PDB file of N, CA and C in Angstrom:
ATOM      1  N   MET A   1      90.252 103.521 120.716  1.00  0.00           N
ATOM      2  CA  MET A   1      91.706 103.526 120.778  1.00  0.00           C
ATOM      3  C   MET A   1      92.258 102.826 119.547  1.00  0.00           C
ATOM      4  N   GLN A   2      93.140 103.478 118.837  1.00  0.00           N
ATOM      5  CA  GLN A   2      93.729 102.912 117.635  1.00  0.00           C
ATOM      6  C   GLN A   2      95.079 102.295 117.962  1.00  0.00           C
ATOM      7  N   ALA A   3      95.320 101.101 117.413  1.00  0.00           N
ATOM      8  CA  ALA A   3      96.588 100.416 117.656  1.00  0.00           C
ATOM      9  C   ALA A   3      97.717 101.144 116.939  1.00  0.00           C
ATOM     10  N   GLU A   4      98.891 101.148 117.574  1.00  0.00           N
ATOM     11  CA  GLU A   4     100.064 101.751 116.962  1.00  0.00           C
ATOM     12  C   GLU A   4     100.496 100.903 115.778  1.00  0.00           C
ATOM     13  N   LYS A   5     100.819 101.553 114.666  1.00  0.00           N
ATOM     14  CA  LYS A   5     101.240 100.817 113.479  1.00  0.00           C
ATOM     15  C   LYS A   5     102.728 100.516 113.560  1.00  0.00           C
ATOM     16  N   ILE A   6     103.087  99.277 113.204  1.00  0.00           N
ATOM     17  CA  ILE A   6     104.481  98.836 113.222  1.00  0.00           C
ATOM     18  C   ILE A   6     104.843  98.451 111.788  1.00  0.00           C
ATOM     19  N   PRO A   7     105.897  99.013 111.227  1.00  0.00           N
ATOM     20  CA  PRO A   7     106.301  98.621 109.876  1.00  0.00           C
ATOM     21  C   PRO A   7     106.621  97.130 109.798  1.00  0.00           C
ATOM     22  N   PHE A   8     106.252  96.535 108.687  1.00  0.00           N
ATOM     23  CA  PHE A   8     106.433  95.106 108.448  1.00  0.00           C
ATOM     24  C   PHE A   8     107.857  94.659 108.751  1.00  0.00           C
ATOM     25  N   ASN A   9     108.847  95.392 108.246  1.00  0.00           N
ATOM     26  CA  ASN A   9     110.238  94.963 108.409  1.00  0.00           C
ATOM     27  C   ASN A   9     110.714  95.014 109.860  1.00  0.00           C
ATOM     28  N   LEU A  10     110.046  95.793 110.717  1.00  0.00           N
ATOM     29  CA  LEU A  10     110.432  95.822 112.132  1.00  0.00           C
ATOM     30  C   LEU A  10     109.888  94.617 112.885  1.00  0.00           C
ATOM     31  N   ALA A  11     108.847  93.981 112.372  1.00  0.00           N
ATOM     32  CA  ALA A  11     108.283  92.796 113.025  1.00  0.00           C
ATOM     33  C   ALA A  11     109.046  91.533 112.630  1.00  0.00           C
ATOM     34  N   LEU A  12     109.615  91.512 111.429  1.00  0.00           N
ATOM     35  CA  LEU A  12     110.328  90.328 110.957  1.00  0.00           C
ATOM     36  C   LEU A  12     111.518  90.012 111.848  1.00  0.00           C
ATOM     37  N   GLY A  13     111.663  88.742 112.172  1.00  0.00           N
ATOM     38  CA  GLY A  13     112.802  88.294 112.965  1.00  0.00           C
ATOM     39  C   GLY A  13     112.631  88.428 114.469  1.00  0.00           C
ATOM     40  N   LYS A  14     111.551  89.080 114.915  1.00  0.00           N
ATOM     41  CA  LYS A  14     111.351  89.222 116.362  1.00  0.00           C
ATOM     42  C   LYS A  14     110.972  87.880 116.982  1.00  0.00           C
ATOM     43  N   MET A  15     111.434  87.662 118.195  1.00  0.00           N
ATOM     44  CA  MET A  15     111.087  86.446 118.918  1.00  0.00           C
ATOM     45  C   MET A  15     109.626  86.525 119.342  1.00  0.00           C
ATOM     46  N   ILE A  16     108.921  85.397 119.224  1.00  0.00           N
ATOM     47  CA  ILE A  16     107.530  85.298 119.653  1.00  0.00           C
ATOM     48  C   ILE A  16     107.511  84.552 120.984  1.00  0.00           C
ATOM     49  N   VAL A  17     106.912  85.181 121.995  1.00  0.00           N
ATOM     50  CA  VAL A  17     106.805  84.566 123.320  1.00  0.00           C
ATOM     51  C   VAL A  17     105.374  84.701 123.824  1.00  0.00           C
ATOM     52  N   THR A  18     104.993  83.776 124.694  1.00  0.00           N
ATOM     53  CA  THR A  18     103.692  83.902 125.348  1.00  0.00           C
ATOM     54  C   THR A  18     103.829  84.892 126.489  1.00  0.00           C
ATOM     55  N   LYS A  19     102.720  85.373 126.994  1.00  0.00           N
ATOM     56  CA  LYS A  19     102.790  86.321 128.126  1.00  0.00           C
ATOM     57  C   LYS A  19     103.343  85.652 129.372  1.00  0.00           C
ATOM     58  N   GLU A  20     103.354  84.294 129.375  1.00  0.00           N
ATOM     59  CA  GLU A  20     103.952  83.544 130.476  1.00  0.00           C
ATOM     60  C   GLU A  20     105.455  83.350 130.274  1.00  0.00           C
ATOM     61  N   GLY A  21     105.985  83.777 129.117  1.00  0.00           N
ATOM     62  CA  GLY A  21     107.417  83.698 128.867  1.00  0.00           C
ATOM     63  C   GLY A  21     107.881  82.492 128.072  1.00  0.00           C
ATOM     64  N   LYS A  22     106.964  81.678 127.557  1.00  0.00           N
ATOM     65  CA  LYS A  22     107.361  80.517 126.749  1.00  0.00           C
ATOM     66  C   LYS A  22     107.716  80.967 125.342  1.00  0.00           C
ATOM     67  N   ARG A  23     108.861  80.515 124.864  1.00  0.00           N
ATOM     68  CA  ARG A  23     109.324  80.881 123.526  1.00  0.00           C
ATOM     69  C   ARG A  23     108.641  80.015 122.481  1.00  0.00           C
ATOM     70  N   LEU A  24     108.187  80.656 121.396  1.00  0.00           N
ATOM     71  CA  LEU A  24     107.505  79.932 120.332  1.00  0.00           C
ATOM     72  C   LEU A  24     108.313  79.882 119.038  1.00  0.00           C
ATOM     73  N   GLY A  25     109.180  80.846 118.817  1.00  0.00           N
ATOM     74  CA  GLY A  25     109.971  80.918 117.592  1.00  0.00           C
ATOM     75  C   GLY A  25     110.157  82.369 117.198  1.00  0.00           C
ATOM     76  N   PHE A  26     110.354  82.608 115.902  1.00  0.00           N
ATOM     77  CA  PHE A  26     110.598  83.950 115.383  1.00  0.00           C
ATOM     78  C   PHE A  26     109.641  84.262 114.237  1.00  0.00           C
ATOM     79  N   VAL A  27     109.348  85.538 114.034  1.00  0.00           N
ATOM     80  CA  VAL A  27     108.465  85.952 112.943  1.00  0.00           C
ATOM     81  C   VAL A  27     109.204  85.796 111.613  1.00  0.00           C
ATOM     82  N   LYS A  28     108.677  84.940 110.756  1.00  0.00           N
ATOM     83  CA  LYS A  28     109.244  84.748 109.422  1.00  0.00           C
ATOM     84  C   LYS A  28     108.527  85.622 108.409  1.00  0.00           C
ATOM     85  N   ASP A  29     107.201  85.706 108.550  1.00  0.00           N
ATOM     86  CA  ASP A  29     106.382  86.430 107.584  1.00  0.00           C
ATOM     87  C   ASP A  29     105.060  86.772 108.250  1.00  0.00           C
ATOM     88  N   ILE A  30     104.290  87.601 107.570  1.00  0.00           N
ATOM     89  CA  ILE A  30     102.971  87.988 108.047  1.00  0.00           C
ATOM     90  C   ILE A  30     101.988  87.749 106.910  1.00  0.00           C
ATOM     91  N   SER A  31     100.889  87.064 107.209  1.00  0.00           N
ATOM     92  CA  SER A  31      99.871  86.872 106.170  1.00  0.00           C
ATOM     93  C   SER A  31      98.720  87.837 106.426  1.00  0.00           C
ATOM     94  N   PHE A  32      98.143  88.347 105.344  1.00  0.00           N
ATOM     95  CA  PHE A  32      97.063  89.310 105.461  1.00  0.00           C
ATOM     96  C   PHE A  32      96.110  89.174 104.286  1.00  0.00           C
ATOM     97  N   GLU A  33      94.903  89.688 104.474  1.00  0.00           N
ATOM     98  CA  GLU A  33      93.889  89.708 103.428  1.00  0.00           C
ATOM     99  C   GLU A  33      94.240  90.824 102.461  1.00  0.00           C
ATOM    100  N   ILE A  34      94.414  90.485 101.200  1.00  0.00           N
ATOM    101  CA  ILE A  34      94.877  91.451 100.204  1.00  0.00           C
ATOM    102  C   ILE A  34      93.896  92.604 100.015  1.00  0.00           C
ATOM    103  N   LYS A  35      92.615  92.305  99.909  1.00  0.00           N
ATOM    104  CA  LYS A  35      91.624  93.360  99.622  1.00  0.00           C
ATOM    105  C   LYS A  35      91.479  94.355 100.769  1.00  0.00           C
ATOM    106  N   SER A  36      91.411  93.855 101.996  1.00  0.00           N
ATOM    107  CA  SER A  36      91.165  94.740 103.136  1.00  0.00           C
ATOM    108  C   SER A  36      92.444  95.170 103.861  1.00  0.00           C
ATOM    109  N   GLY A  37      93.526  94.397 103.681  1.00  0.00           N
ATOM    110  CA  GLY A  37      94.762  94.676 104.405  1.00  0.00           C
ATOM    111  C   GLY A  37      94.737  94.153 105.824  1.00  0.00           C
ATOM    112  N   GLU A  38      93.673  93.428 106.175  1.00  0.00           N
ATOM    113  CA  GLU A  38      93.539  92.885 107.526  1.00  0.00           C
ATOM    114  C   GLU A  38      94.584  91.803 107.778  1.00  0.00           C
ATOM    115  N   LEU A  39      95.287  91.909 108.927  1.00  0.00           N
ATOM    116  CA  LEU A  39      96.269  90.895 109.294  1.00  0.00           C
ATOM    117  C   LEU A  39      95.563  89.611 109.675  1.00  0.00           C
ATOM    118  N   ILE A  40      96.105  88.478 109.219  1.00  0.00           N
ATOM    119  CA  ILE A  40      95.507  87.186 109.517  1.00  0.00           C
ATOM    120  C   ILE A  40      96.364  86.423 110.514  1.00  0.00           C
ATOM    121  N   SER A  41      97.664  86.301 110.227  1.00  0.00           N
ATOM    122  CA  SER A  41      98.521  85.512 111.113  1.00  0.00           C
ATOM    123  C   SER A  41      99.992  85.827 110.906  1.00  0.00           C
ATOM    124  N   LEU A  42     100.790  85.360 111.872  1.00  0.00           N
ATOM    125  CA  LEU A  42     102.242  85.420 111.766  1.00  0.00           C
ATOM    126  C   LEU A  42     102.738  84.030 111.395  1.00  0.00           C
ATOM    127  N   VAL A  43     103.673  83.963 110.482  1.00  0.00           N
ATOM    128  CA  VAL A  43     104.313  82.698 110.119  1.00  0.00           C
ATOM    129  C   VAL A  43     105.542  82.559 111.010  1.00  0.00           C
ATOM    130  N   VAL A  44     105.670  81.398 111.666  1.00  0.00           N
ATOM    131  CA  VAL A  44     106.740  81.171 112.642  1.00  0.00           C
ATOM    132  C   VAL A  44     107.882  80.386 112.006  1.00  0.00           C
ATOM    133  N   LYS A  45     109.114  80.881 112.210  1.00  0.00           N
ATOM    134  CA  LYS A  45     110.294  80.105 111.798  1.00  0.00           C
ATOM    135  C   LYS A  45     111.037  79.688 113.050  1.00  0.00           C
ATOM    136  N   ASP A  46     111.837  78.658 112.912  1.00  0.00           N
ATOM    137  CA  ASP A  46     112.615  78.138 114.038  1.00  0.00           C
ATOM    138  C   ASP A  46     111.719  77.870 115.250  1.00  0.00           C
ATOM    139  N   SER A  47     110.576  77.221 115.005  1.00  0.00           N
ATOM    140  CA  SER A  47     109.632  76.960 116.091  1.00  0.00           C
ATOM    141  C   SER A  47     110.247  76.008 117.117  1.00  0.00           C
ATOM    142  N   THR A  48     109.858  76.213 118.359  1.00  0.00           N
ATOM    143  CA  THR A  48     110.365  75.399 119.463  1.00  0.00           C
ATOM    144  C   THR A  48     109.565  74.099 119.570  1.00  0.00           C
ATOM    145  N   ILE A  49     110.047  73.188 120.382  1.00  0.00           N
ATOM    146  CA  ILE A  49     109.327  71.928 120.627  1.00  0.00           C
ATOM    147  C   ILE A  49     107.961  72.237 121.218  1.00  0.00           C
ATOM    148  N   TYR A  50     107.893  73.236 122.098  1.00  0.00           N
ATOM    149  CA  TYR A  50     106.616  73.626 122.690  1.00  0.00           C
ATOM    150  C   TYR A  50     105.621  74.028 121.603  1.00  0.00           C
ATOM    151  N   THR A  51     106.081  74.811 120.637  1.00  0.00           N
ATOM    152  CA  THR A  51     105.220  75.260 119.546  1.00  0.00           C
ATOM    153  C   THR A  51     104.746  74.086 118.712  1.00  0.00           C
ATOM    154  N   LYS A  52     105.638  73.156 118.459  1.00  0.00           N
ATOM    155  CA  LYS A  52     105.284  71.993 117.642  1.00  0.00           C
ATOM    156  C   LYS A  52     104.215  71.139 118.305  1.00  0.00           C
ATOM    157  N   ASN A  53     104.118  71.196 119.647  1.00  0.00           N
ATOM    158  CA  ASN A  53     103.108  70.424 120.369  1.00  0.00           C
ATOM    159  C   ASN A  53     101.750  71.120 120.427  1.00  0.00           C
ATOM    160  N   LEU A  54     101.707  72.403 120.057  1.00  0.00           N
ATOM    161  CA  LEU A  54     100.430  73.106 120.012  1.00  0.00           C
ATOM    162  C   LEU A  54      99.699  72.712 118.732  1.00  0.00           C
ATOM    163  N   ASN A  55      98.401  72.747 118.774  1.00  0.00           N
ATOM    164  CA  ASN A  55      97.603  72.390 117.602  1.00  0.00           C
ATOM    165  C   ASN A  55      97.330  73.654 116.779  1.00  0.00           C
ATOM    166  N   LEU A  56      98.393  74.203 116.173  1.00  0.00           N
ATOM    167  CA  LEU A  56      98.270  75.430 115.394  1.00  0.00           C
ATOM    168  C   LEU A  56      98.007  75.115 113.927  1.00  0.00           C
ATOM    169  N   GLU A  57      97.318  76.048 113.275  1.00  0.00           N
ATOM    170  CA  GLU A  57      97.150  75.949 111.832  1.00  0.00           C
ATOM    171  C   GLU A  57      98.540  76.037 111.203  1.00  0.00           C
ATOM    172  N   ARG A  58      98.719  75.455 110.032  1.00  0.00           N
ATOM    173  CA  ARG A  58     100.026  75.433 109.359  1.00  0.00           C
ATOM    174  C   ARG A  58      99.952  76.100 108.004  1.00  0.00           C
ATOM    175  N   SER A  59     101.063  76.672 107.575  1.00  0.00           N
ATOM    176  CA  SER A  59     101.161  77.269 106.244  1.00  0.00           C
ATOM    177  C   SER A  59     101.321  76.166 105.211  1.00  0.00           C
ATOM    178  N   GLU A  60     101.326  76.541 103.939  1.00  0.00           N
ATOM    179  CA  GLU A  60     101.515  75.566 102.864  1.00  0.00           C
ATOM    180  C   GLU A  60     102.854  74.860 102.984  1.00  0.00           C
ATOM    181  N   SER A  61     103.840  75.545 103.570  1.00  0.00           N
ATOM    182  CA  SER A  61     105.160  74.938 103.752  1.00  0.00           C
ATOM    183  C   SER A  61     105.308  74.318 105.149  1.00  0.00           C
ATOM    184  N   ASN A  62     104.174  74.065 105.811  1.00  0.00           N
ATOM    185  CA  ASN A  62     104.103  73.364 107.093  1.00  0.00           C
ATOM    186  C   ASN A  62     104.699  74.145 108.264  1.00  0.00           C
ATOM    187  N   GLU A  63     104.706  75.461 108.196  1.00  0.00           N
ATOM    188  CA  GLU A  63     105.190  76.285 109.306  1.00  0.00           C
ATOM    189  C   GLU A  63     103.994  76.703 110.162  1.00  0.00           C
ATOM    190  N   PRO A  64     104.174  76.732 111.478  1.00  0.00           N
ATOM    191  CA  PRO A  64     103.072  77.124 112.360  1.00  0.00           C
ATOM    192  C   PRO A  64     102.627  78.565 112.094  1.00  0.00           C
ATOM    193  N   LEU A  65     101.328  78.803 112.269  1.00  0.00           N
ATOM    194  CA  LEU A  65     100.753  80.135 112.106  1.00  0.00           C
ATOM    195  C   LEU A  65     100.166  80.593 113.436  1.00  0.00           C
ATOM    196  N   ILE A  66     100.525  81.788 113.864  1.00  0.00           N
ATOM    197  CA  ILE A  66      99.979  82.388 115.069  1.00  0.00           C
ATOM    198  C   ILE A  66      98.875  83.342 114.627  1.00  0.00           C
ATOM    199  N   PRO A  67      97.631  83.109 115.056  1.00  0.00           N
ATOM    200  CA  PRO A  67      96.542  83.998 114.631  1.00  0.00           C
ATOM    201  C   PRO A  67      96.730  85.414 115.168  1.00  0.00           C
ATOM    202  N   TYR A  68      96.355  86.392 114.350  1.00  0.00           N
ATOM    203  CA  TYR A  68      96.489  87.792 114.738  1.00  0.00           C
ATOM    204  C   TYR A  68      95.747  88.076 116.046  1.00  0.00           C
ATOM    205  N   SER A  69      94.625  87.410 116.244  1.00  0.00           N
ATOM    206  CA  SER A  69      93.816  87.641 117.444  1.00  0.00           C
ATOM    207  C   SER A  69      94.556  87.275 118.735  1.00  0.00           C
ATOM    208  N   ALA A  70      95.608  86.474 118.644  1.00  0.00           N
ATOM    209  CA  ALA A  70      96.371  86.065 119.826  1.00  0.00           C
ATOM    210  C   ALA A  70      97.469  87.062 120.190  1.00  0.00           C
ATOM    211  N   ILE A  71      97.771  88.010 119.305  1.00  0.00           N
ATOM    212  CA  ILE A  71      98.848  88.969 119.556  1.00  0.00           C
ATOM    213  C   ILE A  71      98.403  89.998 120.589  1.00  0.00           C
ATOM    214  N   ILE A  72      99.209  90.147 121.632  1.00  0.00           N
ATOM    215  CA  ILE A  72      98.936  91.130 122.685  1.00  0.00           C
ATOM    216  C   ILE A  72      99.716  92.418 122.414  1.00  0.00           C
ATOM    217  N   ALA A  73     101.000  92.272 122.074  1.00  0.00           N
ATOM    218  CA  ALA A  73     101.851  93.443 121.873  1.00  0.00           C
ATOM    219  C   ALA A  73     103.032  93.088 120.980  1.00  0.00           C
ATOM    220  N   ILE A  74     103.545  94.118 120.299  1.00  0.00           N
ATOM    221  CA  ILE A  74     104.770  93.967 119.511  1.00  0.00           C
ATOM    222  C   ILE A  74     105.715  95.071 119.957  1.00  0.00           C
ATOM    223  N   GLY A  75     106.855  94.654 120.477  1.00  0.00           N
ATOM    224  CA  GLY A  75     107.890  95.588 120.925  1.00  0.00           C
ATOM    225  C   GLY A  75     109.219  94.933 120.651  1.00  0.00           C
ATOM    226  N   ASP A  76     110.012  94.719 121.692  1.00  0.00           N
ATOM    227  CA  ASP A  76     111.255  93.978 121.532  1.00  0.00           C
ATOM    228  C   ASP A  76     110.954  92.528 121.168  1.00  0.00           C
ATOM    229  N   PHE A  77     109.799  92.043 121.627  1.00  0.00           N
ATOM    230  CA  PHE A  77     109.304  90.696 121.336  1.00  0.00           C
ATOM    231  C   PHE A  77     107.879  90.823 120.816  1.00  0.00           C
ATOM    232  N   VAL A  78     107.385  89.754 120.191  1.00  0.00           N
ATOM    233  CA  VAL A  78     105.963  89.668 119.894  1.00  0.00           C
ATOM    234  C   VAL A  78     105.361  88.831 121.016  1.00  0.00           C
ATOM    235  N   ILE A  79     104.454  89.430 121.763  1.00  0.00           N
ATOM    236  CA  ILE A  79     103.861  88.736 122.898  1.00  0.00           C
ATOM    237  C   ILE A  79     102.464  88.277 122.505  1.00  0.00           C
ATOM    238  N   VAL A  80     102.203  86.989 122.751  1.00  0.00           N
ATOM    239  CA  VAL A  80     100.911  86.421 122.398  1.00  0.00           C
ATOM    240  C   VAL A  80     100.239  85.798 123.623  1.00  0.00           C
ATOM    241  N   SER A  81      98.940  85.668 123.540  1.00  0.00           N
ATOM    242  CA  SER A  81      98.156  85.040 124.588  1.00  0.00           C
ATOM    243  C   SER A  81      98.070  83.546 124.303  1.00  0.00           C
ATOM    244  N   GLU A  82      98.619  82.750 125.195  1.00  0.00           N
ATOM    245  CA  GLU A  82      98.603  81.302 125.014  1.00  0.00           C
ATOM    246  C   GLU A  82      97.169  80.762 125.004  1.00  0.00           C
ATOM    247  N   GLU A  83      96.281  81.389 125.760  1.00  0.00           N
ATOM    248  CA  GLU A  83      94.889  80.951 125.797  1.00  0.00           C
ATOM    249  C   GLU A  83      94.229  81.051 124.430  1.00  0.00           C
ATOM    250  N   ASP A  84      94.642  82.044 123.639  1.00  0.00           N
ATOM    251  CA  ASP A  84      94.063  82.230 122.305  1.00  0.00           C
ATOM    252  C   ASP A  84      94.681  81.299 121.264  1.00  0.00           C
ATOM    253  N   LEU A  85      95.713  80.547 121.642  1.00  0.00           N
ATOM    254  CA  LEU A  85      96.349  79.603 120.727  1.00  0.00           C
ATOM    255  C   LEU A  85      95.753  78.213 120.855  1.00  0.00           C
ATOM    256  N   ILE A  86      95.175  77.928 122.002  1.00  0.00           N
ATOM    257  CA  ILE A  86      94.685  76.574 122.287  1.00  0.00           C
ATOM    258  C   ILE A  86      93.227  76.430 121.905  1.00  0.00           C
TER     259      ILE A  86
END
């Protein structure tokens, strides 16, 4: 089964929530491996207090990063698995 492709600009600005409904922030940017095009993580802007308490990797500008492996779905929201963040 191949994942549906979502254009980069449609993912930007979407709210990131856990499957339990906890808000994490909004998609600011997407990091990827240049050679392969493999997605690595989402850069979070306007992160919530809940997000700040998670032990997430940080970007060079100290913004939380959500690993691609934690993403469950992208639609009206970006839904992530909280278990894959911890």
